[in-house]
Amino acid sequence: MADEDKDDISADDWAAALAEQQATAPEPAMPAEAPAVRSSGVFQELKADALAGVSTQRIDMILDIPVTLTVELGRTKIAIRNLLQLAQGSVVELDALAGEPMDVLVNGCLIAQGEVVVVNDKFGIRLTDIITPEERLRGLNR
């Protein structure tokens, strides 16, 4: 029963931290209006009410698929000789600077950046920047 109470307290602390973040988060910028597109008459106009049920059913099919979420502090390249010399207490220099945002990857694809937070002696990450689909596509072309 003590483990259940500990989980409830931890969940409440995380919920409070998330509520605080949402209260202080800036309003997202409204996108500029899209330019007008000429209709060639080949495609029928899509109606919002016709698609409402379809999109919900399709998204429900993938909600339980597990993905790997990785938070990356930094990277480095090291020779095997130096790798074999590492011992407890060794320091490995990374390419990231102190205070830089950490990369958040899903299945190896960068989706966001954030900063480390500690709530109830557990580490978490507060997302500070979400990568747009256009930026993700540009990253794939590299």
N, C-alpha and C. Protein backbone atom coordinates (compact mmCIF):
# COMPACT_ATOMS: atom_id res chain seq x y z
N MET A 1 0.82 -1.19 0.00
CA MET A 1 0.00 0.00 0.00
C MET A 1 0.87 1.26 0.00
N ALA A 2 2.04 1.19 0.63
CA ALA A 2 2.93 2.34 0.69
C ALA A 2 3.42 2.71 -0.70
N ASP A 3 3.69 1.71 -1.56
CA ASP A 3 4.13 2.00 -2.92
C ASP A 3 3.04 2.72 -3.70
N GLU A 4 1.77 2.33 -3.50
CA GLU A 4 0.68 2.99 -4.19
C GLU A 4 0.55 4.44 -3.75
N ASP A 5 0.72 4.72 -2.44
CA ASP A 5 0.66 6.09 -1.94
C ASP A 5 1.79 6.92 -2.52
N LYS A 6 2.97 6.33 -2.62
CA LYS A 6 4.14 7.03 -3.17
C LYS A 6 3.88 7.39 -4.63
N ASP A 7 3.29 6.45 -5.41
CA ASP A 7 2.98 6.72 -6.80
C ASP A 7 1.93 7.81 -6.92
N ASP A 8 0.91 7.80 -6.03
CA ASP A 8 -0.12 8.82 -6.07
C ASP A 8 0.46 10.19 -5.77
N ILE A 9 1.32 10.27 -4.79
CA ILE A 9 1.94 11.55 -4.45
C ILE A 9 2.79 12.02 -5.61
N SER A 10 3.56 11.13 -6.20
CA SER A 10 4.40 11.49 -7.32
C SER A 10 3.57 11.96 -8.50
N ALA A 11 2.46 11.27 -8.78
CA ALA A 11 1.58 11.67 -9.88
C ALA A 11 0.98 13.04 -9.61
N ASP A 12 0.61 13.31 -8.36
CA ASP A 12 0.06 14.61 -8.01
C ASP A 12 1.11 15.71 -8.18
N ASP A 13 2.35 15.42 -7.79
CA ASP A 13 3.42 16.40 -7.95
C ASP A 13 3.67 16.71 -9.42
N TRP A 14 3.67 15.66 -10.26
CA TRP A 14 3.86 15.88 -11.69
C TRP A 14 2.70 16.67 -12.26
N ALA A 15 1.49 16.36 -11.84
CA ALA A 15 0.31 17.08 -12.33
C ALA A 15 0.40 18.56 -11.93
N ALA A 16 0.85 18.84 -10.71
CA ALA A 16 1.00 20.22 -10.26
C ALA A 16 2.06 20.94 -11.09
N ALA A 17 3.17 20.26 -11.38
CA ALA A 17 4.23 20.87 -12.18
C ALA A 17 3.74 21.16 -13.60
N LEU A 18 2.98 20.24 -14.17
CA LEU A 18 2.44 20.45 -15.52
C LEU A 18 1.43 21.58 -15.52
N ALA A 19 0.58 21.66 -14.49
CA ALA A 19 -0.40 22.74 -14.41
C ALA A 19 0.29 24.09 -14.30
N GLU A 20 1.37 24.14 -13.52
CA GLU A 20 2.14 25.38 -13.38
C GLU A 20 2.74 25.78 -14.72
N GLN A 21 3.26 24.80 -15.45
CA GLN A 21 3.87 25.09 -16.75
C GLN A 21 2.81 25.63 -17.72
N GLN A 22 1.63 25.01 -17.74
CA GLN A 22 0.58 25.47 -18.65
C GLN A 22 0.10 26.86 -18.29
N ALA A 23 0.11 27.19 -17.01
CA ALA A 23 -0.35 28.51 -16.58
C ALA A 23 0.63 29.59 -17.01
N THR A 24 1.93 29.26 -17.09
CA THR A 24 2.94 30.26 -17.44
C THR A 24 3.36 30.19 -18.90
N ALA A 25 2.84 29.20 -19.66
CA ALA A 25 3.24 29.05 -21.07
C ALA A 25 2.66 30.18 -21.90
N PRO A 26 3.47 30.73 -22.85
CA PRO A 26 2.95 31.79 -23.72
C PRO A 26 1.96 31.21 -24.73
N GLU A 27 1.06 32.05 -25.18
CA GLU A 27 0.08 31.63 -26.19
C GLU A 27 0.82 31.35 -27.49
N PRO A 28 0.48 30.26 -28.21
CA PRO A 28 1.14 29.98 -29.48
C PRO A 28 0.76 31.03 -30.51
N ALA A 29 1.70 31.34 -31.37
CA ALA A 29 1.46 32.33 -32.42
C ALA A 29 0.49 31.76 -33.44
N MET A 30 -0.39 32.60 -33.91
CA MET A 30 -1.35 32.17 -34.93
C MET A 30 -0.64 32.14 -36.27
N PRO A 31 -0.81 31.06 -37.06
CA PRO A 31 -0.15 31.00 -38.36
C PRO A 31 -0.77 32.01 -39.32
N ALA A 32 0.06 32.46 -40.25
CA ALA A 32 -0.44 33.38 -41.27
C ALA A 32 -1.43 32.64 -42.16
N GLU A 33 -2.35 33.39 -42.72
CA GLU A 33 -3.35 32.75 -43.56
C GLU A 33 -2.68 32.16 -44.80
N ALA A 34 -3.15 31.01 -45.21
CA ALA A 34 -2.60 30.35 -46.39
C ALA A 34 -3.08 31.10 -47.63
N PRO A 35 -2.24 31.13 -48.67
CA PRO A 35 -2.66 31.80 -49.90
C PRO A 35 -3.84 31.05 -50.53
N ALA A 36 -4.65 31.79 -51.26
CA ALA A 36 -5.80 31.19 -51.92
C ALA A 36 -5.34 30.21 -52.98
N VAL A 37 -6.05 29.09 -53.09
CA VAL A 37 -5.71 28.06 -54.07
C VAL A 37 -6.83 28.00 -55.08
N ARG A 38 -6.48 27.98 -56.36
CA ARG A 38 -7.49 27.89 -57.40
C ARG A 38 -7.99 26.47 -57.50
N SER A 39 -9.29 26.32 -57.66
CA SER A 39 -9.89 25.00 -57.80
C SER A 39 -9.95 24.64 -59.27
N SER A 40 -9.41 23.47 -59.59
CA SER A 40 -9.44 23.02 -60.98
C SER A 40 -10.68 22.20 -61.26
N GLY A 41 -11.46 21.88 -60.22
CA GLY A 41 -12.67 21.10 -60.41
C GLY A 41 -12.42 19.61 -60.46
N VAL A 42 -11.17 19.15 -60.33
CA VAL A 42 -10.85 17.73 -60.39
C VAL A 42 -11.18 17.06 -59.07
N PHE A 43 -10.91 17.73 -57.97
CA PHE A 43 -11.13 17.16 -56.65
C PHE A 43 -12.39 17.75 -56.02
N GLN A 44 -13.10 16.93 -55.29
CA GLN A 44 -14.27 17.41 -54.57
C GLN A 44 -13.83 18.09 -53.29
N GLU A 45 -14.61 19.06 -52.87
CA GLU A 45 -14.29 19.77 -51.64
C GLU A 45 -14.53 18.85 -50.44
N LEU A 46 -13.59 18.81 -49.49
CA LEU A 46 -13.73 17.99 -48.29
C LEU A 46 -14.55 18.75 -47.27
N LYS A 47 -15.46 18.08 -46.65
CA LYS A 47 -16.30 18.69 -45.63
C LYS A 47 -15.82 18.20 -44.26
N ALA A 48 -15.75 19.11 -43.30
CA ALA A 48 -15.23 18.79 -41.97
C ALA A 48 -16.07 17.73 -41.27
N ASP A 49 -17.39 17.80 -41.40
CA ASP A 49 -18.24 16.84 -40.71
C ASP A 49 -18.09 15.43 -41.28
N ALA A 50 -17.74 15.30 -42.55
CA ALA A 50 -17.56 13.98 -43.15
C ALA A 50 -16.28 13.30 -42.65
N LEU A 51 -15.28 14.10 -42.29
CA LEU A 51 -14.00 13.55 -41.85
C LEU A 51 -13.89 13.40 -40.34
N ALA A 52 -14.80 13.95 -39.59
CA ALA A 52 -14.68 13.97 -38.12
C ALA A 52 -14.56 12.58 -37.54
N GLY A 53 -15.42 11.66 -37.88
CA GLY A 53 -15.38 10.31 -37.33
C GLY A 53 -14.24 9.48 -37.85
N VAL A 54 -13.85 9.70 -39.10
CA VAL A 54 -12.80 8.90 -39.73
C VAL A 54 -11.46 9.15 -39.05
N SER A 55 -11.09 10.41 -38.83
CA SER A 55 -9.78 10.70 -38.25
C SER A 55 -9.67 10.16 -36.83
N THR A 56 -10.75 10.22 -36.05
CA THR A 56 -10.72 9.71 -34.69
C THR A 56 -10.52 8.20 -34.69
N GLN A 57 -11.22 7.50 -35.57
CA GLN A 57 -11.07 6.05 -35.63
C GLN A 57 -9.67 5.66 -36.05
N ARG A 58 -9.09 6.36 -36.98
CA ARG A 58 -7.76 6.02 -37.46
C ARG A 58 -6.70 6.30 -36.41
N ILE A 59 -6.81 7.40 -35.70
CA ILE A 59 -5.81 7.72 -34.68
C ILE A 59 -5.91 6.76 -33.51
N ASP A 60 -7.12 6.29 -33.19
CA ASP A 60 -7.28 5.34 -32.10
C ASP A 60 -6.53 4.04 -32.37
N MET A 61 -6.36 3.69 -33.62
CA MET A 61 -5.68 2.44 -33.98
C MET A 61 -4.19 2.47 -33.62
N ILE A 62 -3.60 3.66 -33.58
CA ILE A 62 -2.16 3.73 -33.33
C ILE A 62 -1.78 4.21 -31.94
N LEU A 63 -2.76 4.57 -31.12
CA LEU A 63 -2.45 5.15 -29.81
C LEU A 63 -1.69 4.20 -28.89
N ASP A 64 -1.83 2.90 -29.04
CA ASP A 64 -1.17 1.94 -28.14
C ASP A 64 0.15 1.41 -28.69
N ILE A 65 0.62 1.93 -29.82
CA ILE A 65 1.89 1.48 -30.38
C ILE A 65 3.02 2.09 -29.56
N PRO A 66 3.91 1.26 -29.01
CA PRO A 66 5.01 1.80 -28.21
C PRO A 66 6.08 2.45 -29.10
N VAL A 67 6.63 3.54 -28.61
CA VAL A 67 7.75 4.22 -29.26
C VAL A 67 8.84 4.43 -28.23
N THR A 68 10.05 4.65 -28.68
CA THR A 68 11.17 4.90 -27.78
C THR A 68 11.41 6.40 -27.70
N LEU A 69 11.28 6.96 -26.51
CA LEU A 69 11.54 8.37 -26.28
C LEU A 69 12.91 8.49 -25.65
N THR A 70 13.78 9.29 -26.26
CA THR A 70 15.15 9.45 -25.79
C THR A 70 15.41 10.93 -25.54
N VAL A 71 16.05 11.24 -24.42
CA VAL A 71 16.50 12.60 -24.15
C VAL A 71 18.02 12.56 -24.22
N GLU A 72 18.56 13.35 -25.12
CA GLU A 72 20.00 13.30 -25.39
C GLU A 72 20.69 14.53 -24.83
N LEU A 73 21.63 14.29 -23.94
CA LEU A 73 22.41 15.36 -23.33
C LEU A 73 23.48 15.88 -24.27
N GLY A 74 24.13 14.99 -24.99
CA GLY A 74 25.19 15.37 -25.92
C GLY A 74 25.82 14.13 -26.51
N ARG A 75 26.77 14.35 -27.40
CA ARG A 75 27.48 13.24 -28.07
C ARG A 75 28.97 13.54 -28.12
N THR A 76 29.72 12.48 -28.38
CA THR A 76 31.15 12.64 -28.61
C THR A 76 31.66 11.42 -29.37
N LYS A 77 32.79 11.59 -30.05
CA LYS A 77 33.46 10.46 -30.69
C LYS A 77 34.72 10.20 -29.88
N ILE A 78 34.98 8.93 -29.64
CA ILE A 78 36.11 8.55 -28.81
C ILE A 78 36.76 7.31 -29.40
N ALA A 79 38.07 7.26 -29.37
CA ALA A 79 38.80 6.09 -29.88
C ALA A 79 38.60 4.92 -28.92
N ILE A 80 38.61 3.72 -29.46
CA ILE A 80 38.43 2.52 -28.64
C ILE A 80 39.50 2.46 -27.56
N ARG A 81 40.72 2.88 -27.86
CA ARG A 81 41.81 2.89 -26.88
C ARG A 81 41.41 3.71 -25.65
N ASN A 82 40.85 4.90 -25.90
CA ASN A 82 40.44 5.78 -24.80
C ASN A 82 39.20 5.24 -24.10
N LEU A 83 38.30 4.61 -24.85
CA LEU A 83 37.11 4.02 -24.28
C LEU A 83 37.46 2.92 -23.29
N LEU A 84 38.45 2.10 -23.63
CA LEU A 84 38.86 1.01 -22.75
C LEU A 84 39.56 1.50 -21.49
N GLN A 85 40.06 2.73 -21.51
CA GLN A 85 40.74 3.29 -20.34
C GLN A 85 39.77 3.94 -19.36
N LEU A 86 38.49 4.06 -19.73
CA LEU A 86 37.52 4.68 -18.83
C LEU A 86 37.30 3.82 -17.60
N ALA A 87 37.16 4.47 -16.47
CA ALA A 87 36.90 3.77 -15.21
C ALA A 87 35.89 4.60 -14.42
N GLN A 88 35.47 4.07 -13.30
CA GLN A 88 34.53 4.81 -12.46
C GLN A 88 35.15 6.14 -12.08
N GLY A 89 34.40 7.23 -12.28
CA GLY A 89 34.89 8.57 -11.98
C GLY A 89 35.51 9.27 -13.18
N SER A 90 35.69 8.56 -14.31
CA SER A 90 36.21 9.19 -15.52
C SER A 90 35.20 10.21 -16.03
N VAL A 91 35.71 11.25 -16.68
CA VAL A 91 34.86 12.29 -17.25
C VAL A 91 35.01 12.23 -18.77
N VAL A 92 33.87 12.19 -19.45
CA VAL A 92 33.86 12.18 -20.91
C VAL A 92 33.28 13.51 -21.37
N GLU A 93 34.04 14.24 -22.18
CA GLU A 93 33.59 15.55 -22.66
C GLU A 93 32.60 15.35 -23.80
N LEU A 94 31.46 16.06 -23.72
CA LEU A 94 30.43 15.99 -24.74
C LEU A 94 30.45 17.25 -25.59
N ASP A 95 29.80 17.19 -26.74
CA ASP A 95 29.79 18.34 -27.64
C ASP A 95 28.79 19.42 -27.22
N ALA A 96 27.96 19.17 -26.22
CA ALA A 96 26.96 20.14 -25.77
C ALA A 96 27.54 21.03 -24.68
N LEU A 97 27.10 22.27 -24.67
CA LEU A 97 27.53 23.21 -23.64
C LEU A 97 26.57 23.15 -22.46
N ALA A 98 27.07 23.48 -21.27
CA ALA A 98 26.21 23.51 -20.08
C ALA A 98 25.12 24.54 -20.29
N GLY A 99 23.89 24.18 -19.96
CA GLY A 99 22.77 25.10 -20.11
C GLY A 99 22.06 25.02 -21.45
N GLU A 100 22.65 24.31 -22.42
CA GLU A 100 21.98 24.14 -23.72
C GLU A 100 20.76 23.26 -23.56
N PRO A 101 19.74 23.48 -24.39
CA PRO A 101 18.58 22.58 -24.31
C PRO A 101 18.94 21.18 -24.76
N MET A 102 18.26 20.20 -24.18
CA MET A 102 18.50 18.81 -24.54
C MET A 102 17.59 18.41 -25.68
N ASP A 103 18.07 17.51 -26.53
CA ASP A 103 17.27 17.02 -27.64
C ASP A 103 16.34 15.91 -27.17
N VAL A 104 15.10 15.94 -27.64
CA VAL A 104 14.12 14.89 -27.35
C VAL A 104 13.85 14.17 -28.67
N LEU A 105 14.14 12.88 -28.70
CA LEU A 105 13.98 12.09 -29.91
C LEU A 105 12.93 11.01 -29.71
N VAL A 106 12.14 10.76 -30.74
CA VAL A 106 11.20 9.64 -30.74
C VAL A 106 11.64 8.72 -31.87
N ASN A 107 11.99 7.49 -31.50
CA ASN A 107 12.51 6.51 -32.45
C ASN A 107 13.67 7.09 -33.27
N GLY A 108 14.51 7.89 -32.61
CA GLY A 108 15.70 8.44 -33.24
C GLY A 108 15.48 9.71 -34.03
N CYS A 109 14.25 10.22 -34.09
CA CYS A 109 13.93 11.42 -34.86
C CYS A 109 13.71 12.59 -33.89
N LEU A 110 14.42 13.68 -34.10
CA LEU A 110 14.31 14.85 -33.24
C LEU A 110 12.90 15.44 -33.35
N ILE A 111 12.21 15.57 -32.21
CA ILE A 111 10.86 16.14 -32.21
C ILE A 111 10.75 17.39 -31.35
N ALA A 112 11.68 17.57 -30.39
CA ALA A 112 11.58 18.71 -29.48
C ALA A 112 12.91 18.94 -28.78
N GLN A 113 12.97 20.06 -28.07
CA GLN A 113 14.10 20.35 -27.19
C GLN A 113 13.52 20.78 -25.86
N GLY A 114 14.29 20.57 -24.79
CA GLY A 114 13.77 20.91 -23.48
C GLY A 114 14.85 21.07 -22.45
N GLU A 115 14.41 21.33 -21.22
CA GLU A 115 15.33 21.51 -20.11
C GLU A 115 14.98 20.51 -19.01
N VAL A 116 15.98 20.13 -18.24
CA VAL A 116 15.80 19.14 -17.19
C VAL A 116 15.09 19.79 -16.01
N VAL A 117 14.12 19.04 -15.44
CA VAL A 117 13.45 19.46 -14.22
C VAL A 117 13.51 18.30 -13.24
N VAL A 118 13.44 18.61 -11.95
CA VAL A 118 13.41 17.59 -10.91
C VAL A 118 12.14 17.81 -10.10
N VAL A 119 11.33 16.76 -10.02
CA VAL A 119 10.10 16.81 -9.23
C VAL A 119 10.10 15.58 -8.33
N ASN A 120 10.07 15.82 -7.03
CA ASN A 120 10.01 14.73 -6.07
C ASN A 120 11.17 13.73 -6.26
N ASP A 121 12.38 14.24 -6.43
CA ASP A 121 13.60 13.46 -6.61
C ASP A 121 13.63 12.61 -7.88
N LYS A 122 12.81 12.95 -8.87
CA LYS A 122 12.84 12.25 -10.16
C LYS A 122 13.11 13.27 -11.24
N PHE A 123 13.92 12.86 -12.24
CA PHE A 123 14.22 13.74 -13.35
C PHE A 123 13.09 13.70 -14.37
N GLY A 124 12.88 14.81 -15.01
CA GLY A 124 11.93 14.92 -16.11
C GLY A 124 12.46 15.95 -17.09
N ILE A 125 11.73 16.21 -18.14
CA ILE A 125 12.14 17.23 -19.09
C ILE A 125 10.95 18.11 -19.43
N ARG A 126 11.16 19.40 -19.36
CA ARG A 126 10.13 20.39 -19.74
C ARG A 126 10.43 20.78 -21.18
N LEU A 127 9.47 20.54 -22.05
CA LEU A 127 9.66 20.86 -23.46
C LEU A 127 9.62 22.36 -23.65
N THR A 128 10.65 22.89 -24.30
CA THR A 128 10.73 24.33 -24.54
C THR A 128 10.54 24.69 -25.99
N ASP A 129 10.76 23.73 -26.90
CA ASP A 129 10.64 24.00 -28.33
C ASP A 129 10.22 22.72 -29.04
N ILE A 130 9.12 22.77 -29.76
CA ILE A 130 8.65 21.64 -30.53
C ILE A 130 9.10 21.83 -31.97
N ILE A 131 9.68 20.81 -32.56
CA ILE A 131 10.16 20.88 -33.94
C ILE A 131 8.94 20.77 -34.87
N THR A 132 8.82 21.71 -35.81
CA THR A 132 7.69 21.69 -36.74
C THR A 132 7.89 20.60 -37.78
N PRO A 133 6.80 20.13 -38.39
CA PRO A 133 6.94 19.11 -39.44
C PRO A 133 7.86 19.55 -40.58
N GLU A 134 7.85 20.84 -40.91
CA GLU A 134 8.72 21.34 -41.98
C GLU A 134 10.19 21.21 -41.58
N GLU A 135 10.50 21.53 -40.32
CA GLU A 135 11.88 21.40 -39.84
C GLU A 135 12.31 19.94 -39.82
N ARG A 136 11.39 19.04 -39.46
CA ARG A 136 11.71 17.60 -39.45
C ARG A 136 12.01 17.12 -40.86
N LEU A 137 11.24 17.58 -41.83
CA LEU A 137 11.50 17.18 -43.22
C LEU A 137 12.84 17.69 -43.71
N ARG A 138 13.18 18.93 -43.33
CA ARG A 138 14.50 19.47 -43.70
C ARG A 138 15.61 18.64 -43.09
N GLY A 139 15.41 18.15 -41.86
CA GLY A 139 16.40 17.31 -41.20
C GLY A 139 16.59 15.97 -41.90
N LEU A 140 15.52 15.45 -42.51
CA LEU A 140 15.62 14.18 -43.23
C LEU A 140 16.40 14.34 -44.53
N ASN A 141 16.39 15.53 -45.12
CA ASN A 141 17.08 15.76 -46.38
C ASN A 141 18.57 15.92 -46.22
N ARG A 142 19.06 16.03 -44.99
CA ARG A 142 20.50 16.22 -44.76
C ARG A 142 21.25 14.95 -44.94
